């Protein structure tokens, strides 16, 4: 039996947990309605109260921020700085105002 696991979106998990916590719907009823094992809902609830959900969202946001704004390339320390300054001086001297 090779069954693939279903990846539930964070928004769906929040929707399910909100239904349980705000509306006091029993986990067994929610699990039956969504076709999910009740233990999985209990696990999500535990993660929510342990702060793991926020931690994962922060990690995901950090990865997105890093992808959007990659770090500046290393230009080789002082030698690299001298090369850039030299290039800048040449460009500055070649432009006449």
Protein backbone atom coordinates (compact mmCIF):
# COMPACT_ATOMS: atom_id res chain seq x y z
CA UNK A 1 0.00 0.00 0.00
CA UNK A 2 1.71 3.14 -1.22
CA UNK A 3 -0.55 6.02 -0.20
CA UNK A 4 0.48 9.63 -0.64
CA UNK A 5 -0.02 11.94 2.30
CA UNK A 6 -2.27 14.91 1.80
CA UNK A 7 -0.63 18.27 2.45
CA UNK A 8 -3.22 20.49 4.10
CA UNK A 9 -2.83 24.21 3.52
CA UNK A 10 -2.28 26.40 6.56
CA UNK A 11 -5.48 28.32 5.78
CA UNK A 12 -7.47 25.06 5.79
CA UNK A 13 -5.95 24.06 9.15
CA UNK A 14 -6.89 27.43 10.61
CA UNK A 15 -10.42 27.11 9.24
CA UNK A 16 -10.83 23.68 10.82
CA UNK A 17 -9.36 24.71 14.17
CA UNK A 18 -11.43 27.89 14.27
CA UNK A 19 -14.57 25.85 13.71
CA UNK A 20 -13.66 23.69 16.68
CA UNK A 21 -12.45 26.43 19.03
CA UNK A 22 -14.93 29.21 18.28
CA UNK A 23 -18.06 27.19 17.54
CA UNK A 24 -17.36 24.39 20.05
CA UNK A 25 -17.89 21.75 17.37
CA UNK A 26 -16.52 18.40 18.58
CA UNK A 27 -13.31 17.24 16.90
CA UNK A 28 -14.91 13.91 16.02
CA UNK A 29 -17.67 15.68 14.08
CA UNK A 30 -15.22 17.98 12.28
CA UNK A 31 -12.99 15.03 11.39
CA UNK A 32 -15.93 13.13 9.95
CA UNK A 33 -17.08 16.19 7.99
CA UNK A 34 -13.65 16.87 6.43
CA UNK A 35 -12.60 13.22 6.13
CA UNK A 36 -9.58 13.74 8.40
CA UNK A 37 -8.29 11.55 11.21
CA UNK A 38 -9.22 13.15 14.56
CA UNK A 39 -5.66 12.65 15.81
CA UNK A 40 -4.45 14.98 13.08
CA UNK A 41 -6.75 17.76 14.31
CA UNK A 42 -5.54 17.18 17.87
CA UNK A 43 -1.95 17.47 16.59
CA UNK A 44 -2.70 20.78 14.83
CA UNK A 45 -4.36 22.09 18.00
CA UNK A 46 -1.35 21.14 20.09
CA UNK A 47 1.02 22.80 17.60
CA UNK A 48 -1.11 25.94 17.66
CA UNK A 49 -0.93 26.26 21.42
CA UNK A 50 2.77 25.42 21.55
CA UNK A 51 3.49 28.25 19.11
CA UNK A 52 4.83 26.01 16.36
CA UNK A 53 2.40 27.40 13.82
CA UNK A 54 3.69 30.94 14.30
CA UNK A 55 7.27 29.67 14.21
CA UNK A 56 6.67 27.93 10.87
CA UNK A 57 4.98 31.00 9.42
CA UNK A 58 7.92 33.17 10.52
CA UNK A 59 10.40 30.72 8.97
CA UNK A 60 8.42 30.65 5.73
CA UNK A 61 8.25 34.47 5.65
CA UNK A 62 12.00 34.68 6.28
CA UNK A 63 12.66 32.35 3.34
CA UNK A 64 10.39 34.42 1.11
CA UNK A 65 12.13 37.62 2.18
CA UNK A 66 15.56 36.11 1.47
CA UNK A 67 14.43 34.95 -1.96
CA UNK A 68 13.08 38.41 -2.78
CA UNK A 69 16.16 40.24 -1.50
CA UNK A 70 19.27 38.08 -2.04
CA UNK A 71 22.40 39.04 -0.09
CA UNK A 72 24.96 41.26 -1.78
CA UNK A 73 27.76 39.29 -3.41
CA UNK A 74 31.14 39.22 -1.74
CA UNK A 75 33.50 41.46 -3.71
CA UNK A 76 36.71 40.23 -2.18
CA UNK A 77 37.35 42.44 0.84
CA UNK A 78 39.72 45.41 0.56
CA UNK A 79 41.17 44.35 -2.79
CA UNK A 80 37.66 44.24 -4.20
CA UNK A 81 36.92 47.68 -2.76
CA UNK A 82 40.06 49.09 -4.42
CA UNK A 83 38.95 47.65 -7.76
CA UNK A 84 35.54 49.26 -7.44
CA UNK A 85 37.03 52.61 -6.42
CA UNK A 86 39.46 52.43 -9.31
CA UNK A 87 36.63 51.69 -11.72
CA UNK A 88 34.60 54.53 -10.25
CA UNK A 89 37.51 56.97 -10.64
CA UNK A 90 37.98 55.96 -14.29
CA UNK A 91 34.28 56.43 -15.01
CA UNK A 92 34.20 59.75 -13.17
CA UNK A 93 37.23 61.04 -15.08
CA UNK A 94 35.81 59.99 -18.45
CA UNK A 95 32.58 61.93 -17.90
CA UNK A 96 32.94 65.61 -18.61
CA UNK A 97 30.33 67.94 -17.26
